[in-house]
Amino acid sequence: MAERHFTVLRIQGEGSLWVSECIISYDGAPSFSVSIMEFADGRVSHETQYFADPFGAPDARITLAEPMPGREIRRQHS
């Protein structure tokens, strides 16, 4: 069984719509996750999840990139 760790970066929402951003690590390999959740009667009525492997900024955009708190900007390898 894979070793899993979840790090919640942010949860934000209001009323019936909430969004969470997390880093999910499976056996030490991180993946970024965003979940959009809709609630009705105190329960999740719909959820959409997006996943992405970490990637660096391409050279053409490195000067435009800003790190999120606690992270650093990596260059993308071509």
PDB file of N, CA and C in Angstrom:
ATOM      1  N   MET A   1       0.839  -1.173   0.000  1.00  0.00           N
ATOM      2  CA  MET A   1       0.000   0.000   0.000  1.00  0.00           C
ATOM      3  C   MET A   1       0.891   1.245   0.000  1.00  0.00           C
ATOM      4  N   ALA A   2       0.511   2.241  -0.788  1.00  0.00           N
ATOM      5  CA  ALA A   2       1.289   3.480  -0.906  1.00  0.00           C
ATOM      6  C   ALA A   2       1.198   4.299   0.376  1.00  0.00           C
ATOM      7  N   GLU A   3       2.312   4.934   0.727  1.00  0.00           N
ATOM      8  CA  GLU A   3       2.317   5.847   1.863  1.00  0.00           C
ATOM      9  C   GLU A   3       1.813   7.200   1.362  1.00  0.00           C
ATOM     10  N   ARG A   4       0.762   7.720   1.990  1.00  0.00           N
ATOM     11  CA  ARG A   4       0.130   8.955   1.536  1.00  0.00           C
ATOM     12  C   ARG A   4       0.209  10.022   2.612  1.00  0.00           C
ATOM     13  N   HIS A   5       0.449  11.245   2.176  1.00  0.00           N
ATOM     14  CA  HIS A   5       0.453  12.404   3.072  1.00  0.00           C
ATOM     15  C   HIS A   5      -0.299  13.535   2.385  1.00  0.00           C
ATOM     16  N   PHE A   6      -1.117  14.235   3.145  1.00  0.00           N
ATOM     17  CA  PHE A   6      -1.895  15.352   2.622  1.00  0.00           C
ATOM     18  C   PHE A   6      -1.481  16.624   3.348  1.00  0.00           C
ATOM     19  N   THR A   7      -1.178  17.669   2.590  1.00  0.00           N
ATOM     20  CA  THR A   7      -0.871  18.974   3.153  1.00  0.00           C
ATOM     21  C   THR A   7      -1.886  19.962   2.592  1.00  0.00           C
ATOM     22  N   VAL A   8      -2.713  20.508   3.456  1.00  0.00           N
ATOM     23  CA  VAL A   8      -3.709  21.485   3.029  1.00  0.00           C
ATOM     24  C   VAL A   8      -3.030  22.847   2.927  1.00  0.00           C
ATOM     25  N   LEU A   9      -3.076  23.447   1.736  1.00  0.00           N
ATOM     26  CA  LEU A   9      -2.478  24.761   1.516  1.00  0.00           C
ATOM     27  C   LEU A   9      -3.482  25.877   1.781  1.00  0.00           C
ATOM     28  N   ARG A  10      -4.730  25.648   1.382  1.00  0.00           N
ATOM     29  CA  ARG A  10      -5.744  26.688   1.550  1.00  0.00           C
ATOM     30  C   ARG A  10      -7.127  26.091   1.387  1.00  0.00           C
ATOM     31  N   ILE A  11      -8.054  26.573   2.195  1.00  0.00           N
ATOM     32  CA  ILE A  11      -9.478  26.274   2.046  1.00  0.00           C
ATOM     33  C   ILE A  11     -10.187  27.616   2.055  1.00  0.00           C
ATOM     34  N   GLN A  12     -10.991  27.845   1.026  1.00  0.00           N
ATOM     35  CA  GLN A  12     -11.667  29.124   0.927  1.00  0.00           C
ATOM     36  C   GLN A  12     -13.042  28.915   0.317  1.00  0.00           C
ATOM     37  N   GLY A  13     -14.014  29.633   0.816  1.00  0.00           N
ATOM     38  CA  GLY A  13     -15.340  29.535   0.255  1.00  0.00           C
ATOM     39  C   GLY A  13     -16.340  30.318   1.056  1.00  0.00           C
ATOM     40  N   GLU A  14     -17.576  30.156   0.654  1.00  0.00           N
ATOM     41  CA  GLU A  14     -18.672  30.826   1.322  1.00  0.00           C
ATOM     42  C   GLU A  14     -19.963  30.112   0.946  1.00  0.00           C
ATOM     43  N   GLY A  15     -20.856  30.000   1.918  1.00  0.00           N
ATOM     44  CA  GLY A  15     -22.155  29.386   1.633  1.00  0.00           C
ATOM     45  C   GLY A  15     -22.010  27.956   1.158  1.00  0.00           C
ATOM     46  N   SER A  16     -22.514  27.695  -0.035  1.00  0.00           N
ATOM     47  CA  SER A  16     -22.544  26.315  -0.534  1.00  0.00           C
ATOM     48  C   SER A  16     -21.388  25.967  -1.464  1.00  0.00           C
ATOM     49  N   LEU A  17     -20.427  26.893  -1.691  1.00  0.00           N
ATOM     50  CA  LEU A  17     -19.322  26.623  -2.607  1.00  0.00           C
ATOM     51  C   LEU A  17     -17.984  26.828  -1.899  1.00  0.00           C
ATOM     52  N   TRP A  18     -17.152  25.791  -1.880  1.00  0.00           N
ATOM     53  CA  TRP A  18     -15.847  25.817  -1.201  1.00  0.00           C
ATOM     54  C   TRP A  18     -14.792  25.212  -2.112  1.00  0.00           C
ATOM     55  N   VAL A  19     -13.552  25.729  -1.990  1.00  0.00           N
ATOM     56  CA  VAL A  19     -12.419  25.254  -2.783  1.00  0.00           C
ATOM     57  C   VAL A  19     -11.266  24.937  -1.838  1.00  0.00           C
ATOM     58  N   SER A  20     -10.616  23.808  -2.054  1.00  0.00           N
ATOM     59  CA  SER A  20      -9.430  23.465  -1.264  1.00  0.00           C
ATOM     60  C   SER A  20      -8.260  23.206  -2.197  1.00  0.00           C
ATOM     61  N   GLU A  21      -7.069  23.625  -1.746  1.00  0.00           N
ATOM     62  CA  GLU A  21      -5.827  23.362  -2.468  1.00  0.00           C
ATOM     63  C   GLU A  21      -4.947  22.519  -1.560  1.00  0.00           C
ATOM     64  N   CYS A  22      -4.436  21.406  -2.076  1.00  0.00           N
ATOM     65  CA  CYS A  22      -3.635  20.478  -1.274  1.00  0.00           C
ATOM     66  C   CYS A  22      -2.440  19.974  -2.070  1.00  0.00           C
ATOM     67  N   ILE A  23      -1.458  19.486  -1.333  1.00  0.00           N
ATOM     68  CA  ILE A  23      -0.385  18.692  -1.927  1.00  0.00           C
ATOM     69  C   ILE A  23      -0.575  17.285  -1.395  1.00  0.00           C
ATOM     70  N   ILE A  24      -0.694  16.340  -2.301  1.00  0.00           N
ATOM     71  CA  ILE A  24      -0.861  14.938  -1.928  1.00  0.00           C
ATOM     72  C   ILE A  24       0.413  14.213  -2.326  1.00  0.00           C
ATOM     73  N   SER A  25       1.054  13.573  -1.375  1.00  0.00           N
ATOM     74  CA  SER A  25       2.278  12.821  -1.662  1.00  0.00           C
ATOM     75  C   SER A  25       1.987  11.332  -1.566  1.00  0.00           C
ATOM     76  N   TYR A  26       2.301  10.611  -2.631  1.00  0.00           N
ATOM     77  CA  TYR A  26       2.198   9.157  -2.662  1.00  0.00           C
ATOM     78  C   TYR A  26       3.612   8.613  -2.721  1.00  0.00           C
ATOM     79  N   ASP A  27       4.006   7.918  -1.681  1.00  0.00           N
ATOM     80  CA  ASP A  27       5.367   7.370  -1.599  1.00  0.00           C
ATOM     81  C   ASP A  27       6.423   8.439  -1.884  1.00  0.00           C
ATOM     82  N   GLY A  28       6.201   9.654  -1.377  1.00  0.00           N
ATOM     83  CA  GLY A  28       7.157  10.742  -1.495  1.00  0.00           C
ATOM     84  C   GLY A  28       7.068  11.563  -2.758  1.00  0.00           C
ATOM     85  N   ALA A  29       6.244  11.169  -3.723  1.00  0.00           N
ATOM     86  CA  ALA A  29       6.096  11.926  -4.973  1.00  0.00           C
ATOM     87  C   ALA A  29       4.903  12.873  -4.843  1.00  0.00           C
ATOM     88  N   PRO A  30       5.142  14.210  -4.880  1.00  0.00           N
ATOM     89  CA  PRO A  30       4.048  15.160  -4.676  1.00  0.00           C
ATOM     90  C   PRO A  30       3.198  15.360  -5.921  1.00  0.00           C
ATOM     91  N   SER A  31       1.931  15.651  -5.694  1.00  0.00           N
ATOM     92  CA  SER A  31       0.989  16.014  -6.740  1.00  0.00           C
ATOM     93  C   SER A  31       0.103  17.106  -6.165  1.00  0.00           C
ATOM     94  N   PHE A  32      -0.193  18.118  -6.952  1.00  0.00           N
ATOM     95  CA  PHE A  32      -1.043  19.205  -6.489  1.00  0.00           C
ATOM     96  C   PHE A  32      -2.490  18.875  -6.800  1.00  0.00           C
ATOM     97  N   SER A  33      -3.381  19.261  -5.887  1.00  0.00           N
ATOM     98  CA  SER A  33      -4.793  18.954  -6.032  1.00  0.00           C
ATOM     99  C   SER A  33      -5.633  20.178  -5.699  1.00  0.00           C
ATOM    100  N   VAL A  34      -6.662  20.398  -6.494  1.00  0.00           N
ATOM    101  CA  VAL A  34      -7.670  21.419  -6.210  1.00  0.00           C
ATOM    102  C   VAL A  34      -9.019  20.717  -6.228  1.00  0.00           C
ATOM    103  N   SER A  35      -9.807  20.921  -5.173  1.00  0.00           N
ATOM    104  CA  SER A  35     -11.148  20.348  -5.096  1.00  0.00           C
ATOM    105  C   SER A  35     -12.162  21.483  -5.016  1.00  0.00           C
ATOM    106  N   ILE A  36     -13.172  21.417  -5.855  1.00  0.00           N
ATOM    107  CA  ILE A  36     -14.282  22.365  -5.823  1.00  0.00           C
ATOM    108  C   ILE A  36     -15.486  21.596  -5.311  1.00  0.00           C
ATOM    109  N   MET A  37     -16.020  22.040  -4.175  1.00  0.00           N
ATOM    110  CA  MET A  37     -17.115  21.303  -3.534  1.00  0.00           C
ATOM    111  C   MET A  37     -18.360  22.167  -3.405  1.00  0.00           C
ATOM    112  N   GLU A  38     -19.492  21.574  -3.752  1.00  0.00           N
ATOM    113  CA  GLU A  38     -20.782  22.219  -3.575  1.00  0.00           C
ATOM    114  C   GLU A  38     -21.524  21.467  -2.475  1.00  0.00           C
ATOM    115  N   PHE A  39     -22.139  22.212  -1.574  1.00  0.00           N
ATOM    116  CA  PHE A  39     -22.841  21.620  -0.444  1.00  0.00           C
ATOM    117  C   PHE A  39     -24.341  21.901  -0.532  1.00  0.00           C
ATOM    118  N   ALA A  40     -25.120  20.944  -0.058  1.00  0.00           N
ATOM    119  CA  ALA A  40     -26.571  21.089   0.068  1.00  0.00           C
ATOM    120  C   ALA A  40     -26.995  20.313   1.312  1.00  0.00           C
ATOM    121  N   ASP A  41     -27.758  20.942   2.156  1.00  0.00           N
ATOM    122  CA  ASP A  41     -28.244  20.308   3.391  1.00  0.00           C
ATOM    123  C   ASP A  41     -27.104  19.757   4.245  1.00  0.00           C
ATOM    124  N   GLY A  42     -25.965  20.474   4.297  1.00  0.00           N
ATOM    125  CA  GLY A  42     -24.848  20.067   5.133  1.00  0.00           C
ATOM    126  C   GLY A  42     -24.020  18.918   4.601  1.00  0.00           C
ATOM    127  N   ARG A  43     -24.264  18.527   3.355  1.00  0.00           N
ATOM    128  CA  ARG A  43     -23.512  17.428   2.736  1.00  0.00           C
ATOM    129  C   ARG A  43     -22.954  17.863   1.392  1.00  0.00           C
ATOM    130  N   VAL A  44     -21.897  17.194   0.968  1.00  0.00           N
ATOM    131  CA  VAL A  44     -21.326  17.476  -0.358  1.00  0.00           C
ATOM    132  C   VAL A  44     -22.305  16.961  -1.411  1.00  0.00           C
ATOM    133  N   SER A  45     -22.771  17.854  -2.269  1.00  0.00           N
ATOM    134  CA  SER A  45     -23.697  17.445  -3.326  1.00  0.00           C
ATOM    135  C   SER A  45     -22.978  17.233  -4.660  1.00  0.00           C
ATOM    136  N   HIS A  46     -21.810  17.882  -4.816  1.00  0.00           N
ATOM    137  CA  HIS A  46     -21.026  17.706  -6.035  1.00  0.00           C
ATOM    138  C   HIS A  46     -19.583  18.091  -5.727  1.00  0.00           C
ATOM    139  N   GLU A  47     -18.633  17.340  -6.292  1.00  0.00           N
ATOM    140  CA  GLU A  47     -17.223  17.651  -6.115  1.00  0.00           C
ATOM    141  C   GLU A  47     -16.483  17.387  -7.415  1.00  0.00           C
ATOM    142  N   THR A  48     -15.620  18.331  -7.781  1.00  0.00           N
ATOM    143  CA  THR A  48     -14.745  18.182  -8.932  1.00  0.00           C
ATOM    144  C   THR A  48     -13.318  18.326  -8.429  1.00  0.00           C
ATOM    145  N   GLN A  49     -12.440  17.411  -8.831  1.00  0.00           N
ATOM    146  CA  GLN A  49     -11.049  17.442  -8.398  1.00  0.00           C
ATOM    147  C   GLN A  49     -10.136  17.543  -9.608  1.00  0.00           C
ATOM    148  N   TYR A  50      -9.084  18.345  -9.449  1.00  0.00           N
ATOM    149  CA  TYR A  50      -8.067  18.501 -10.482  1.00  0.00           C
ATOM    150  C   TYR A  50      -6.720  18.140  -9.861  1.00  0.00           C
ATOM    151  N   PHE A  51      -5.875  17.444 -10.619  1.00  0.00           N
ATOM    152  CA  PHE A  51      -4.565  17.010 -10.147  1.00  0.00           C
ATOM    153  C   PHE A  51      -3.501  17.416 -11.161  1.00  0.00           C
ATOM    154  N   ALA A  52      -2.320  17.798 -10.652  1.00  0.00           N
ATOM    155  CA  ALA A  52      -1.210  18.150 -11.538  1.00  0.00           C
ATOM    156  C   ALA A  52       0.101  17.804 -10.854  1.00  0.00           C
ATOM    157  N   ASP A  53       1.033  17.283 -11.619  1.00  0.00           N
ATOM    158  CA  ASP A  53       2.377  17.059 -11.108  1.00  0.00           C
ATOM    159  C   ASP A  53       3.080  18.412 -11.038  1.00  0.00           C
ATOM    160  N   PRO A  54       4.008  18.580 -10.102  1.00  0.00           N
ATOM    161  CA  PRO A  54       4.727  19.853 -10.024  1.00  0.00           C
ATOM    162  C   PRO A  54       5.564  20.088 -11.278  1.00  0.00           C
ATOM    163  N   PHE A  55       5.686  21.344 -11.674  1.00  0.00           N
ATOM    164  CA  PHE A  55       6.514  21.686 -12.830  1.00  0.00           C
ATOM    165  C   PHE A  55       7.100  23.075 -12.620  1.00  0.00           C
ATOM    166  N   GLY A  56       8.218  23.310 -13.229  1.00  0.00           N
ATOM    167  CA  GLY A  56       8.885  24.599 -13.115  1.00  0.00           C
ATOM    168  C   GLY A  56       8.385  25.570 -14.164  1.00  0.00           C
ATOM    169  N   ALA A  57       8.784  26.832 -14.008  1.00  0.00           N
ATOM    170  CA  ALA A  57       8.425  27.850 -14.980  1.00  0.00           C
ATOM    171  C   ALA A  57       9.347  27.746 -16.188  1.00  0.00           C
ATOM    172  N   PRO A  58       8.802  27.821 -17.420  1.00  0.00           N
ATOM    173  CA  PRO A  58       9.671  27.824 -18.599  1.00  0.00           C
ATOM    174  C   PRO A  58      10.498  29.106 -18.630  1.00  0.00           C
ATOM    175  N   ASP A  59      11.646  29.059 -19.288  1.00  0.00           N
ATOM    176  CA  ASP A  59      12.554  30.208 -19.345  1.00  0.00           C
ATOM    177  C   ASP A  59      11.853  31.492 -19.773  1.00  0.00           C
ATOM    178  N   ALA A  60      10.927  31.413 -20.720  1.00  0.00           N
ATOM    179  CA  ALA A  60      10.241  32.601 -21.232  1.00  0.00           C
ATOM    180  C   ALA A  60       9.357  33.260 -20.169  1.00  0.00           C
ATOM    181  N   ARG A  61       8.992  32.524 -19.121  1.00  0.00           N
ATOM    182  CA  ARG A  61       8.102  33.082 -18.087  1.00  0.00           C
ATOM    183  C   ARG A  61       8.744  33.160 -16.712  1.00  0.00           C
ATOM    184  N   ILE A  62       9.997  32.782 -16.565  1.00  0.00           N
ATOM    185  CA  ILE A  62      10.625  32.720 -15.250  1.00  0.00           C
ATOM    186  C   ILE A  62      10.604  34.083 -14.555  1.00  0.00           C
ATOM    187  N   THR A  63      10.739  35.176 -15.310  1.00  0.00           N
ATOM    188  CA  THR A  63      10.730  36.500 -14.681  1.00  0.00           C
ATOM    189  C   THR A  63       9.334  36.919 -14.240  1.00  0.00           C
ATOM    190  N   LEU A  64       8.306  36.279 -14.759  1.00  0.00           N
ATOM    191  CA  LEU A  64       6.926  36.595 -14.388  1.00  0.00           C
ATOM    192  C   LEU A  64       6.434  35.745 -13.223  1.00  0.00           C
ATOM    193  N   ALA A  65       7.131  34.682 -12.928  1.00  0.00           N
ATOM    194  CA  ALA A  65       6.685  33.735 -11.909  1.00  0.00           C
ATOM    195  C   ALA A  65       6.926  34.286 -10.511  1.00  0.00           C
ATOM    196  N   GLU A  66       5.967  34.062  -9.628  1.00  0.00           N
ATOM    197  CA  GLU A  66       6.103  34.429  -8.221  1.00  0.00           C
ATOM    198  C   GLU A  66       5.860  33.177  -7.384  1.00  0.00           C
ATOM    199  N   PRO A  67       6.741  32.897  -6.442  1.00  0.00           N
ATOM    200  CA  PRO A  67       6.520  31.701  -5.618  1.00  0.00           C
ATOM    201  C   PRO A  67       5.371  31.899  -4.650  1.00  0.00           C
ATOM    202  N   MET A  68       4.640  30.847  -4.410  1.00  0.00           N
ATOM    203  CA  MET A  68       3.633  30.870  -3.358  1.00  0.00           C
ATOM    204  C   MET A  68       4.355  30.764  -2.029  1.00  0.00           C
ATOM    205  N   PRO A  69       3.761  31.237  -0.943  1.00  0.00           N
ATOM    206  CA  PRO A  69       4.442  31.163   0.358  1.00  0.00           C
ATOM    207  C   PRO A  69       4.918  29.740   0.664  1.00  0.00           C
ATOM    208  N   GLY A  70       6.173  29.623   1.080  1.00  0.00           N
ATOM    209  CA  GLY A  70       6.732  28.328   1.426  1.00  0.00           C
ATOM    210  C   GLY A  70       7.235  27.515   0.260  1.00  0.00           C
ATOM    211  N   ARG A  71       7.222  28.089  -0.946  1.00  0.00           N
ATOM    212  CA  ARG A  71       7.691  27.362  -2.126  1.00  0.00           C
ATOM    213  C   ARG A  71       8.760  28.170  -2.845  1.00  0.00           C
ATOM    214  N   GLU A  72       9.481  27.527  -3.731  1.00  0.00           N
ATOM    215  CA  GLU A  72      10.473  28.210  -4.545  1.00  0.00           C
ATOM    216  C   GLU A  72      10.156  27.944  -6.008  1.00  0.00           C
ATOM    217  N   ILE A  73      10.632  28.808  -6.859  1.00  0.00           N
ATOM    218  CA  ILE A  73      10.394  28.663  -8.307  1.00  0.00           C
ATOM    219  C   ILE A  73      11.521  27.830  -8.894  1.00  0.00           C
ATOM    220  N   ARG A  74      11.160  26.821  -9.633  1.00  0.00           N
ATOM    221  CA  ARG A  74      12.148  25.977 -10.310  1.00  0.00           C
ATOM    222  C   ARG A  74      12.060  26.245 -11.806  1.00  0.00           C
ATOM    223  N   ARG A  75      13.185  26.115 -12.469  1.00  0.00           N
ATOM    224  CA  ARG A  75      13.192  26.222 -13.923  1.00  0.00           C
ATOM    225  C   ARG A  75      12.716  24.895 -14.516  1.00  0.00           C
ATOM    226  N   GLN A  76      11.963  25.014 -15.593  1.00  0.00           N
ATOM    227  CA  GLN A  76      11.488  23.822 -16.307  1.00  0.00           C
ATOM    228  C   GLN A  76      12.620  23.321 -17.166  1.00  0.00           C
ATOM    229  N   HIS A  77      12.850  22.015 -17.142  1.00  0.00           N
ATOM    230  CA  HIS A  77      13.890  21.416 -17.973  1.00  0.00           C
ATOM    231  C   HIS A  77      13.329  21.079 -19.335  1.00  0.00           C
ATOM    232  N   SER A  78      14.003  21.517 -20.396  1.00  0.00           N
ATOM    233  CA  SER A  78      13.528  21.259 -21.760  1.00  0.00           C
ATOM    234  C   SER A  78      14.053  19.942 -22.252  1.00  0.00           C
TER     235      SER A  78
END
